[in-house]
Amino acid sequence: MLKPKCIFPDEDGHTQCLGHSAQGYLTPCCWIDAYPKIRGIAQKIFYQEKLKISNNENIKNIIHSDEWLDFFALLLKEPNKAPQVCHEMCSKDSKGDIYGY
């Protein structure tokens, strides 16, 4: 079962911090950039030129974009379509890092 750490807080109220790539793209977490072989649809969503940090006036424009909102909706409504990296790091049985700590 998927429990996205970028959406659901842990028992201390923390959610996973945003990530960013060396190429200048923002991601919902660092794991998406760290595991390019298992990004899946995240590659097409977050690594678009129009979503590059330098092509936006502020971060809010990126995280409130249709692409980002659609991604979060997918995580909640159709978790089976989430990228493999999400399942590896954010499933209930995941042994991945805990909220970046």
Protein backbone atom coordinates (compact mmCIF):
# COMPACT_ATOMS: atom_id res chain seq x y z
CA MET A 1 0.00 0.00 0.00
CA LEU A 2 1.37 3.39 -1.01
CA LYS A 3 1.67 6.09 1.67
CA PRO A 4 3.34 9.05 -0.08
CA LYS A 5 5.68 10.81 2.32
CA CYS A 6 5.34 13.99 0.23
CA ILE A 7 1.65 14.11 1.19
CA PHE A 8 1.14 12.32 4.50
CA PRO A 9 3.01 13.56 7.58
CA ASP A 10 4.82 11.18 9.90
CA GLU A 11 3.91 10.82 13.57
CA ASP A 12 5.81 14.06 14.32
CA GLY A 13 3.91 16.01 11.65
CA HIS A 14 6.75 16.14 9.09
CA THR A 15 6.32 15.52 5.40
CA GLN A 16 9.16 14.71 3.02
CA CYS A 17 11.04 17.80 1.84
CA LEU A 18 10.98 18.84 -1.80
CA GLY A 19 13.92 17.74 -3.90
CA HIS A 20 15.75 19.43 -6.72
CA SER A 21 18.01 18.18 -9.45
CA ALA A 22 21.42 19.43 -10.48
CA GLN A 23 19.78 20.34 -13.81
CA GLY A 24 17.49 22.83 -12.04
CA TYR A 25 14.21 20.96 -11.67
CA LEU A 26 12.08 20.72 -8.57
CA THR A 27 10.74 17.32 -7.51
CA PRO A 28 8.33 16.22 -4.76
CA CYS A 29 11.22 14.41 -3.06
CA CYS A 30 14.92 13.73 -3.50
CA TRP A 31 14.32 10.07 -4.37
CA ILE A 32 12.82 10.88 -7.76
CA ASP A 33 16.08 12.48 -8.86
CA ALA A 34 18.28 9.96 -7.04
CA TYR A 35 16.82 6.92 -8.83
CA PRO A 36 16.50 7.83 -12.54
CA LYS A 37 16.07 4.21 -13.65
CA ILE A 38 12.84 3.87 -11.69
CA ARG A 39 11.37 7.36 -12.18
CA GLY A 40 8.76 6.16 -14.62
CA ILE A 41 6.20 8.83 -15.41
CA ALA A 42 7.93 11.24 -13.04
CA GLN A 43 10.53 11.84 -15.76
CA LYS A 44 7.90 13.24 -18.13
CA ILE A 45 6.13 15.20 -15.42
CA PHE A 46 8.85 16.97 -13.46
CA TYR A 47 11.63 17.35 -16.02
CA GLN A 48 9.83 19.63 -18.45
CA GLU A 49 11.55 22.84 -19.56
CA LYS A 50 8.52 24.91 -18.50
CA LEU A 51 8.85 23.53 -14.94
CA LYS A 52 12.55 24.30 -14.62
CA ILE A 53 13.20 26.53 -11.61
CA SER A 54 14.98 29.17 -13.71
CA ASN A 55 11.97 29.41 -16.04
CA ASN A 56 9.56 30.35 -13.25
CA GLU A 57 9.15 33.45 -11.12
CA ASN A 58 8.72 31.41 -7.96
CA ILE A 59 8.46 27.88 -6.62
CA LYS A 60 4.73 28.24 -6.00
CA ASN A 61 4.14 28.45 -9.77
CA ILE A 62 5.81 25.06 -10.15
CA ILE A 63 4.18 23.18 -7.30
CA HIS A 64 0.74 24.58 -8.18
CA SER A 65 1.09 23.64 -11.84
CA ASP A 66 -1.41 21.25 -13.40
CA GLU A 67 1.37 18.66 -13.75
CA TRP A 68 2.18 18.68 -10.05
CA LEU A 69 -1.47 18.70 -8.97
CA ASP A 70 -2.24 15.83 -11.35
CA PHE A 71 0.71 13.87 -9.95
CA PHE A 72 -0.52 14.23 -6.36
CA ALA A 73 -4.03 13.25 -7.46
CA LEU A 74 -2.59 10.16 -9.13
CA LEU A 75 -0.76 9.20 -5.92
CA LEU A 76 -4.00 9.43 -3.97
CA LYS A 77 -6.55 8.12 -6.47
CA GLU A 78 -4.53 5.73 -8.66
CA PRO A 79 -1.51 4.66 -6.62
CA ASN A 80 -0.99 1.62 -8.85
CA LYS A 81 0.09 4.06 -11.60
CA ALA A 82 2.66 5.82 -9.38
CA PRO A 83 6.33 5.60 -10.36
CA GLN A 84 8.27 2.61 -9.08
CA VAL A 85 10.42 4.91 -6.95
CA CYS A 86 7.31 5.97 -5.03
CA HIS A 87 6.45 2.36 -4.27
CA GLU A 88 10.04 1.58 -3.29
CA MET A 89 10.40 4.52 -0.92
CA CYS A 90 6.84 5.22 0.22
CA SER A 91 5.02 1.95 0.58
CA LYS A 92 3.93 1.01 4.07
CA ASP A 93 6.53 -1.78 4.05
CA SER A 94 9.28 0.43 2.64
CA LYS A 95 12.70 0.23 4.17
CA GLY A 96 13.62 3.56 2.52
CA ASP A 97 14.75 6.67 4.32
CA ILE A 98 12.25 8.18 6.70
CA TYR A 99 11.28 11.76 5.82
CA GLY A 100 14.81 12.83 5.01
CA TYR A 101 16.08 12.42 8.57
